[in-house]
Structure formats: C-alpha cells, structure tokens
C-alpha cells in the first residue's frame, strides 16, 4: 500500500526500460507513478500499465502541475540521453527520484546518486560509491571501495573486484568481469562477457577474454 504522502512521479520513457522502472517503483511505498512521458509521437495518448503516456518531456512542467507530480526519473538505456532528460526534468522543477528494487543488497556505507535505476539481485558492498543516473542491471556485484561515475550503464551480471574506478558515461556489457584495482576511463564500452585485467583509457571499446581495445569512439557531447 502506498503512503498517503507518496511522491507523485513521472517516468520519462515509455519503452522497455520504462517498464523496468515502473515495476520497481510500484514496490516503493514512498512513490506513486502517475504518468509516463515519451517524445515518440506514436505513443501519444496511449496507456501503459493503465497510466497515460501524457506528453513529451518538454511538457513536463505543465503536466506535473496538472497531475500534482513533484518527482520524475528518466528511464532509458542510453547514458547521454538519460543524463540529458534527468537534467531537463530537474530544470522543470521536479525532484529526481531513484528506482532501487527492494530485493537488492546494499551496504549501509555505500552511496548512490539521484536518478539511479538498480534492478533485482544487485549487491553493493561496503564503501562503494555510485554517481548520478547510474543504471545497474540485475545480479551485478559491485565490490568494496569501487567508485562508479555519473551516467554509467552496468549490464546484468557484471562482477567487480574491489577498488575499481569507472569513469562517467561508461557502458559495461552483460557479464563483464573486472579484476581488483582497475581504472576504467570515461565513455568506455566493454563487450558482453569481457574479462578486464588491465586499465582502459577514455573512449575505448574493449572486448574478449582477456579484454583488448579494438577501437576508440568520440566523447559524448556536453550536456
């Protein structure tokens, strides 16, 4: 049962990731999802889980006032887009909430920034720090003293050794494994099942066992 003073919340993104976020937030008594936002014209005036897809992100302020919403969260896998939309929602006067599944194991010395999406079965060990707008796939294990930057996507089942640092805008593929004490730069991608045993530089793409850099990519644009 939702609390009487539950935060009425908008989810930006009515796709599969929006479904993930809704199904986490419905378990949080502090949050009441009242509508979805989506810029896809094909989803305008549709419904999802019995809730309206009420309009575009640019209409967030007006729609929030109409529905009495004070919270919002961006629900998409693209790191840059998730960061940009959460910024737009904040600029519209909405508080950015996090969607953290209740069946996770998060040590009380760990910290997680706003706008986080943390799926079922995630384990976050002592003194780990996660930045803003992180998306942590199910069953990921983040070991002690790891530092995860802002706007990062960790695919399901990623396993960290202790004291690993990951820069902003990284995407670590499903099942990636990182040995302890590594330093992963900003905007790095690892392939599915990559085993990372060496530091990776900014803007690199690494795949394989052990992971090797196969190319470099452009840095993300400024927000």
C-alpha atoms as a PDB file:
ATOM      1  CA  UNK A   1       0.000   0.000   0.000  1.00  0.00           C
ATOM      2  CA  UNK A   2       1.268   3.457  -0.923  1.00  0.00           C
ATOM      3  CA  UNK A   3       1.854   6.017   1.791  1.00  0.00           C
ATOM      4  CA  UNK A   4      -0.606   8.922   1.965  1.00  0.00           C
ATOM      5  CA  UNK A   5       2.232  11.336   1.221  1.00  0.00           C
ATOM      6  CA  UNK A   6       3.788   9.268  -1.578  1.00  0.00           C
ATOM      7  CA  UNK A   7       5.702  11.306  -4.143  1.00  0.00           C
ATOM      8  CA  UNK A   8       3.662  11.546  -7.333  1.00  0.00           C
ATOM      9  CA  UNK A   9       6.166  10.709 -10.049  1.00  0.00           C
ATOM     10  CA  UNK A  10       6.519  10.889 -13.830  1.00  0.00           C
ATOM     11  CA  UNK A  11       8.577   8.291 -15.718  1.00  0.00           C
ATOM     12  CA  UNK A  12      10.259   9.692 -18.840  1.00  0.00           C
ATOM     13  CA  UNK A  13      10.428   6.828 -21.320  1.00  0.00           C
ATOM     14  CA  UNK A  14       7.534   4.511 -22.130  1.00  0.00           C
ATOM     15  CA  UNK A  15       9.612   1.698 -23.647  1.00  0.00           C
ATOM     16  CA  UNK A  16      11.090  -1.449 -22.121  1.00  0.00           C
ATOM     17  CA  UNK A  17      13.271   0.455 -19.673  1.00  0.00           C
ATOM     18  CA  UNK A  18      10.230   2.464 -18.615  1.00  0.00           C
ATOM     19  CA  UNK A  19       8.570  -0.865 -17.843  1.00  0.00           C
ATOM     20  CA  UNK A  20      11.561  -1.885 -15.714  1.00  0.00           C
ATOM     21  CA  UNK A  21      11.441   1.348 -13.766  1.00  0.00           C
ATOM     22  CA  UNK A  22       7.666   1.189 -13.257  1.00  0.00           C
ATOM     23  CA  UNK A  23       7.871  -2.360 -11.950  1.00  0.00           C
ATOM     24  CA  UNK A  24      10.498  -1.287  -9.427  1.00  0.00           C
ATOM     25  CA  UNK A  25       8.723   1.886  -8.320  1.00  0.00           C
ATOM     26  CA  UNK A  26       5.386   0.121  -7.845  1.00  0.00           C
ATOM     27  CA  UNK A  27       7.089  -1.727  -4.960  1.00  0.00           C
ATOM     28  CA  UNK A  28       8.196   1.505  -3.271  1.00  0.00           C
ATOM     29  CA  UNK A  29       5.563   2.814  -0.838  1.00  0.00           C
ATOM     30  CA  UNK A  30       7.121   6.272  -0.999  1.00  0.00           C
ATOM     31  CA  UNK A  31       6.449   6.646  -4.743  1.00  0.00           C
ATOM     32  CA  UNK A  32       3.234   6.822  -6.757  1.00  0.00           C
ATOM     33  CA  UNK A  33       3.749   6.751 -10.532  1.00  0.00           C
ATOM     34  CA  UNK A  34       1.042   8.886 -12.152  1.00  0.00           C
ATOM     35  CA  UNK A  35       2.085   9.019 -15.817  1.00  0.00           C
ATOM     36  CA  UNK A  36       4.711   8.341 -18.444  1.00  0.00           C
ATOM     37  CA  UNK A  37       6.344  10.876 -20.750  1.00  0.00           C
ATOM     38  CA  UNK A  38       7.681   9.994 -24.195  1.00  0.00           C
ATOM     39  CA  UNK A  39       8.780  12.006 -27.223  1.00  0.00           C
ATOM     40  CA  UNK A  40       7.650   9.272 -29.656  1.00  0.00           C
ATOM     41  CA  UNK A  41       4.545  10.630 -31.450  1.00  0.00           C
ATOM     42  CA  UNK A  42       3.314   7.060 -31.894  1.00  0.00           C
ATOM     43  CA  UNK A  43       2.898   6.711 -28.123  1.00  0.00           C
ATOM     44  CA  UNK A  44       0.951   9.934 -27.631  1.00  0.00           C
ATOM     45  CA  UNK A  45      -2.381   9.447 -25.853  1.00  0.00           C
ATOM     46  CA  UNK A  46      -1.668   5.741 -25.274  1.00  0.00           C
ATOM     47  CA  UNK A  47      -1.599   3.931 -21.928  1.00  0.00           C
ATOM     48  CA  UNK A  48       0.973   1.793 -20.140  1.00  0.00           C
ATOM     49  CA  UNK A  49       0.032  -0.222 -17.040  1.00  0.00           C
ATOM     50  CA  UNK A  50      -3.244   1.695 -17.017  1.00  0.00           C
ATOM     51  CA  UNK A  51      -1.420   5.045 -16.792  1.00  0.00           C
ATOM     52  CA  UNK A  52      -1.394   7.700 -19.507  1.00  0.00           C
ATOM     53  CA  UNK A  53       1.532   8.481 -21.761  1.00  0.00           C
ATOM     54  CA  UNK A  54       0.700  12.094 -21.074  1.00  0.00           C
ATOM     55  CA  UNK A  55       3.043  14.007 -23.364  1.00  0.00           C
ATOM     56  CA  UNK A  56       6.608  14.889 -24.241  1.00  0.00           C
ATOM     57  CA  UNK A  57       9.479  15.631 -21.872  1.00  0.00           C
ATOM     58  CA  UNK A  58       9.320  19.301 -22.873  1.00  0.00           C
ATOM     59  CA  UNK A  59       5.813  19.400 -21.370  1.00  0.00           C
ATOM     60  CA  UNK A  60       6.979  18.013 -18.023  1.00  0.00           C
ATOM     61  CA  UNK A  61       6.441  21.195 -16.001  1.00  0.00           C
ATOM     62  CA  UNK A  62       2.878  21.727 -17.215  1.00  0.00           C
ATOM     63  CA  UNK A  63       1.935  18.070 -16.890  1.00  0.00           C
ATOM     64  CA  UNK A  64       3.454  17.860 -13.411  1.00  0.00           C
ATOM     65  CA  UNK A  65       1.398  20.842 -12.280  1.00  0.00           C
ATOM     66  CA  UNK A  66      -1.761  19.310 -13.752  1.00  0.00           C
ATOM     67  CA  UNK A  67      -1.177  15.932 -12.076  1.00  0.00           C
ATOM     68  CA  UNK A  68       0.339  17.166  -8.836  1.00  0.00           C
ATOM     69  CA  UNK A  69       3.624  15.418  -9.568  1.00  0.00           C
ATOM     70  CA  UNK A  70       6.783  16.526  -7.803  1.00  0.00           C
ATOM     71  CA  UNK A  71       9.131  13.660  -8.774  1.00  0.00           C
ATOM     72  CA  UNK A  72      10.452  12.209 -12.019  1.00  0.00           C
ATOM     73  CA  UNK A  73      13.036   9.809 -13.414  1.00  0.00           C
ATOM     74  CA  UNK A  74      14.456   9.168 -16.888  1.00  0.00           C
ATOM     75  CA  UNK A  75      14.166   5.522 -17.944  1.00  0.00           C
ATOM     76  CA  UNK A  76      16.313   4.735 -20.960  1.00  0.00           C
ATOM     77  CA  UNK A  77      19.488   2.778 -21.588  1.00  0.00           C
ATOM     78  CA  UNK A  78      21.401   5.449 -23.491  1.00  0.00           C
ATOM     79  CA  UNK A  79      23.676   7.113 -20.942  1.00  0.00           C
ATOM     80  CA  UNK A  80      23.787  10.553 -22.548  1.00  0.00           C
ATOM     81  CA  UNK A  81      20.034  10.641 -23.134  1.00  0.00           C
ATOM     82  CA  UNK A  82      19.295   9.512 -19.567  1.00  0.00           C
ATOM     83  CA  UNK A  83      21.544  12.245 -18.189  1.00  0.00           C
ATOM     84  CA  UNK A  84      20.111  14.911 -20.506  1.00  0.00           C
ATOM     85  CA  UNK A  85      16.486  14.087 -19.745  1.00  0.00           C
ATOM     86  CA  UNK A  86      17.033  13.939 -15.987  1.00  0.00           C
ATOM     87  CA  UNK A  87      18.635  17.374 -16.299  1.00  0.00           C
ATOM     88  CA  UNK A  88      15.597  18.647 -18.237  1.00  0.00           C
ATOM     89  CA  UNK A  89      13.240  17.185 -15.640  1.00  0.00           C
ATOM     90  CA  UNK A  90      15.178  18.880 -12.842  1.00  0.00           C
ATOM     91  CA  UNK A  91      15.084  22.172 -14.737  1.00  0.00           C
ATOM     92  CA  UNK A  92      11.301  21.734 -14.946  1.00  0.00           C
ATOM     93  CA  UNK A  93      11.259  21.847 -11.144  1.00  0.00           C
ATOM     94  CA  UNK A  94      10.886  18.123 -10.483  1.00  0.00           C
ATOM     95  CA  UNK A  95      12.892  16.199  -7.922  1.00  0.00           C
ATOM     96  CA  UNK A  96      14.817  13.326  -9.483  1.00  0.00           C
ATOM     97  CA  UNK A  97      13.953  10.058  -7.753  1.00  0.00           C
ATOM     98  CA  UNK A  98      15.737   6.704  -7.896  1.00  0.00           C
ATOM     99  CA  UNK A  99      14.275   3.295  -8.666  1.00  0.00           C
ATOM    100  CA  UNK A 100      16.005   0.728  -6.431  1.00  0.00           C
ATOM    101  CA  UNK A 101      14.493  -2.729  -6.295  1.00  0.00           C
ATOM    102  CA  UNK A 102      13.731  -3.856  -2.730  1.00  0.00           C
ATOM    103  CA  UNK A 103      15.401  -7.221  -3.384  1.00  0.00           C
ATOM    104  CA  UNK A 104      18.901  -5.798  -3.543  1.00  0.00           C
ATOM    105  CA  UNK A 105      21.722  -5.963  -1.005  1.00  0.00           C
ATOM    106  CA  UNK A 106      23.257  -2.541  -0.424  1.00  0.00           C
ATOM    107  CA  UNK A 107      25.650  -1.991   2.462  1.00  0.00           C
ATOM    108  CA  UNK A 108      24.828   0.959   4.679  1.00  0.00           C
ATOM    109  CA  UNK A 109      28.250   2.501   3.978  1.00  0.00           C
ATOM    110  CA  UNK A 110      27.654   2.538   0.208  1.00  0.00           C
ATOM    111  CA  UNK A 111      26.214   5.595  -1.550  1.00  0.00           C
ATOM    112  CA  UNK A 112      24.145   6.020  -4.714  1.00  0.00           C
ATOM    113  CA  UNK A 113      23.408   9.307  -6.503  1.00  0.00           C
ATOM    114  CA  UNK A 114      19.990  10.518  -7.645  1.00  0.00           C
ATOM    115  CA  UNK A 115      18.321   9.171 -10.756  1.00  0.00           C
ATOM    116  CA  UNK A 116      19.638   5.639 -10.222  1.00  0.00           C
ATOM    117  CA  UNK A 117      17.976   2.520 -11.609  1.00  0.00           C
ATOM    118  CA  UNK A 118      19.054  -0.578  -9.663  1.00  0.00           C
ATOM    119  CA  UNK A 119      17.493  -3.875 -10.670  1.00  0.00           C
ATOM    120  CA  UNK A 120      16.713  -7.024  -8.704  1.00  0.00           C
ATOM    121  CA  UNK A 121      19.533  -9.023  -7.147  1.00  0.00           C
ATOM    122  CA  UNK A 122      22.229  -6.331  -7.260  1.00  0.00           C
ATOM    123  CA  UNK A 123      24.830  -6.455  -4.471  1.00  0.00           C
ATOM    124  CA  UNK A 124      26.728  -3.294  -3.500  1.00  0.00           C
ATOM    125  CA  UNK A 125      29.473  -3.855  -0.942  1.00  0.00           C
ATOM    126  CA  UNK A 126      30.912  -1.576   1.768  1.00  0.00           C
ATOM    127  CA  UNK A 127      32.192   1.871   0.846  1.00  0.00           C
ATOM    128  CA  UNK A 128      31.235   1.598  -2.824  1.00  0.00           C
ATOM    129  CA  UNK A 129      30.139   4.894  -4.366  1.00  0.00           C
ATOM    130  CA  UNK A 130      27.863   5.243  -7.382  1.00  0.00           C
ATOM    131  CA  UNK A 131      27.261   8.546  -9.129  1.00  0.00           C
ATOM    132  CA  UNK A 132      24.151  10.143 -10.591  1.00  0.00           C
ATOM    133  CA  UNK A 133      21.938   8.500 -13.217  1.00  0.00           C
ATOM    134  CA  UNK A 134      23.549   5.071 -12.988  1.00  0.00           C
ATOM    135  CA  UNK A 135      21.665   2.074 -14.414  1.00  0.00           C
ATOM    136  CA  UNK A 136      22.702  -1.184 -12.722  1.00  0.00           C
ATOM    137  CA  UNK A 137      21.450  -4.377 -14.331  1.00  0.00           C
ATOM    138  CA  UNK A 138      20.176  -7.312 -12.309  1.00  0.00           C
ATOM    139  CA  UNK A 139      22.590  -9.538 -10.343  1.00  0.00           C
ATOM    140  CA  UNK A 140      25.536  -7.164 -10.743  1.00  0.00           C
ATOM    141  CA  UNK A 141      28.078  -7.315  -7.889  1.00  0.00           C
ATOM    142  CA  UNK A 142      29.943  -4.098  -7.022  1.00  0.00           C
ATOM    143  CA  UNK A 143      32.702  -4.922  -4.571  1.00  0.00           C
ATOM    144  CA  UNK A 144      34.109  -2.855  -1.704  1.00  0.00           C
ATOM    145  CA  UNK A 145      35.598   0.591  -2.346  1.00  0.00           C
ATOM    146  CA  UNK A 146      34.572   0.735  -6.004  1.00  0.00           C
ATOM    147  CA  UNK A 147      33.781   4.162  -7.451  1.00  0.00           C
ATOM    148  CA  UNK A 148      31.314   4.329 -10.350  1.00  0.00           C
ATOM    149  CA  UNK A 149      30.974   7.646 -12.164  1.00  0.00           C
ATOM    150  CA  UNK A 150      27.894   9.507 -13.377  1.00  0.00           C
ATOM    151  CA  UNK A 151      25.628   8.342 -16.227  1.00  0.00           C
ATOM    152  CA  UNK A 152      27.001   4.779 -16.292  1.00  0.00           C
ATOM    153  CA  UNK A 153      25.235   1.624 -17.507  1.00  0.00           C
ATOM    154  CA  UNK A 154      26.222  -1.730 -15.990  1.00  0.00           C
ATOM    155  CA  UNK A 155      24.665  -4.641 -17.855  1.00  0.00           C
ATOM    156  CA  UNK A 156      23.219  -7.536 -15.905  1.00  0.00           C
ATOM    157  CA  UNK A 157      25.635  -9.805 -14.089  1.00  0.00           C
ATOM    158  CA  UNK A 158      28.669  -7.517 -14.159  1.00  0.00           C
ATOM    159  CA  UNK A 159      31.157  -8.501 -11.433  1.00  0.00           C
ATOM    160  CA  UNK A 160      33.665  -6.076  -9.908  1.00  0.00           C
ATOM    161  CA  UNK A 161      36.732  -6.851  -7.868  1.00  0.00           C
ATOM    162  CA  UNK A 162      37.443  -4.409  -5.071  1.00  0.00           C
ATOM    163  CA  UNK A 163      38.724  -0.855  -5.556  1.00  0.00           C
ATOM    164  CA  UNK A 164      37.766  -0.480  -9.222  1.00  0.00           C
ATOM    165  CA  UNK A 165      37.109   3.021 -10.551  1.00  0.00           C
ATOM    166  CA  UNK A 166      34.860   3.607 -13.573  1.00  0.00           C
ATOM    167  CA  UNK A 167      34.553   6.999 -15.279  1.00  0.00           C
ATOM    168  CA  UNK A 168      31.442   8.831 -16.461  1.00  0.00           C
ATOM    169  CA  UNK A 169      29.339   7.574 -19.401  1.00  0.00           C
ATOM    170  CA  UNK A 170      30.741   4.033 -19.412  1.00  0.00           C
ATOM    171  CA  UNK A 171      28.754   1.023 -20.607  1.00  0.00           C
ATOM    172  CA  UNK A 172      29.927  -2.335 -19.273  1.00  0.00           C
ATOM    173  CA  UNK A 173      28.342  -5.193 -21.183  1.00  0.00           C
ATOM    174  CA  UNK A 174      26.350  -8.047 -19.662  1.00  0.00           C
ATOM    175  CA  UNK A 175      28.570 -10.436 -17.736  1.00  0.00           C
ATOM    176  CA  UNK A 176      31.711  -8.294 -17.820  1.00  0.00           C
ATOM    177  CA  UNK A 177      34.253  -9.114 -15.104  1.00  0.00           C
ATOM    178  CA  UNK A 178      36.752  -6.578 -13.750  1.00  0.00           C
ATOM    179  CA  UNK A 179      39.706  -7.610 -11.620  1.00  0.00           C
ATOM    180  CA  UNK A 180      40.535  -5.552  -8.494  1.00  0.00           C
ATOM    181  CA  UNK A 181      42.223  -2.132  -8.552  1.00  0.00           C
ATOM    182  CA  UNK A 182      41.485  -1.317 -12.205  1.00  0.00           C
ATOM    183  CA  UNK A 183      40.981   2.203 -13.524  1.00  0.00           C
ATOM    184  CA  UNK A 184      38.444   2.472 -16.344  1.00  0.00           C
ATOM    185  CA  UNK A 185      38.340   5.815 -18.145  1.00  0.00           C
ATOM    186  CA  UNK A 186      35.329   7.860 -19.226  1.00  0.00           C
ATOM    187  CA  UNK A 187      32.997   6.743 -22.030  1.00  0.00           C
ATOM    188  CA  UNK A 188      34.393   3.206 -22.179  1.00  0.00           C
ATOM    189  CA  UNK A 189      32.433   0.249 -23.576  1.00  0.00           C
ATOM    190  CA  UNK A 190      33.138  -3.384 -22.764  1.00  0.00           C
ATOM    191  CA  UNK A 191      31.589  -6.210 -24.752  1.00  0.00           C
ATOM    192  CA  UNK A 192      29.383  -8.961 -23.394  1.00  0.00           C
ATOM    193  CA  UNK A 193      31.410 -11.306 -21.203  1.00  0.00           C
ATOM    194  CA  UNK A 194      34.616  -9.257 -21.398  1.00  0.00           C
ATOM    195  CA  UNK A 195      37.224 -10.076 -18.750  1.00  0.00           C
ATOM    196  CA  UNK A 196      39.074  -6.846 -17.971  1.00  0.00           C
ATOM    197  CA  UNK A 197      42.529  -7.335 -16.460  1.00  0.00           C
ATOM    198  CA  UNK A 198      44.157  -4.005 -17.415  1.00  0.00           C
ATOM    199  CA  UNK A 199      43.223  -0.342 -17.148  1.00  0.00           C
ATOM    200  CA  UNK A 200      41.216   1.013 -20.111  1.00  0.00           C
ATOM    201  CA  UNK A 201      41.680   4.549 -21.493  1.00  0.00           C
ATOM    202  CA  UNK A 202      38.960   7.126 -22.130  1.00  0.00           C
ATOM    203  CA  UNK A 203      36.646   6.498 -25.105  1.00  0.00           C
ATOM    204  CA  UNK A 204      37.891   2.962 -25.716  1.00  0.00           C
ATOM    205  CA  UNK A 205      35.906  -0.112 -26.760  1.00  0.00           C
ATOM    206  CA  UNK A 206      37.236  -3.405 -25.388  1.00  0.00           C
ATOM    207  CA  UNK A 207      36.065  -6.979 -25.986  1.00  0.00           C
ATOM    208  CA  UNK A 208      37.200 -10.528 -25.338  1.00  0.00           C
ATOM    209  CA  UNK A 209      38.943 -12.701 -22.762  1.00  0.00           C
ATOM    210  CA  UNK A 210      41.141 -11.038 -21.739  1.00  0.00           C
ATOM    211  CA  UNK A 211      39.603  -7.772 -22.958  1.00  0.00           C
ATOM    212  CA  UNK A 212      41.534  -5.897 -25.640  1.00  0.00           C
ATOM    213  CA  UNK A 213      40.857  -2.439 -27.045  1.00  0.00           C
ATOM    214  CA  UNK A 214      39.564  -2.769 -30.618  1.00  0.00           C
ATOM    215  CA  UNK A 215      38.737   0.855 -31.367  1.00  0.00           C
ATOM    216  CA  UNK A 216      38.102   4.307 -29.927  1.00  0.00           C
ATOM    217  CA  UNK A 217      34.969   6.429 -30.083  1.00  0.00           C
ATOM    218  CA  UNK A 218      34.138  10.112 -29.859  1.00  0.00           C
ATOM    219  CA  UNK A 219      33.460  11.510 -26.382  1.00  0.00           C
ATOM    220  CA  UNK A 220      29.825  12.302 -25.548  1.00  0.00           C
ATOM    221  CA  UNK A 221      28.627  15.850 -26.226  1.00  0.00           C
ATOM    222  CA  UNK A 222      28.353  18.276 -23.348  1.00  0.00           C
ATOM    223  CA  UNK A 223      25.008  18.386 -21.563  1.00  0.00           C
END
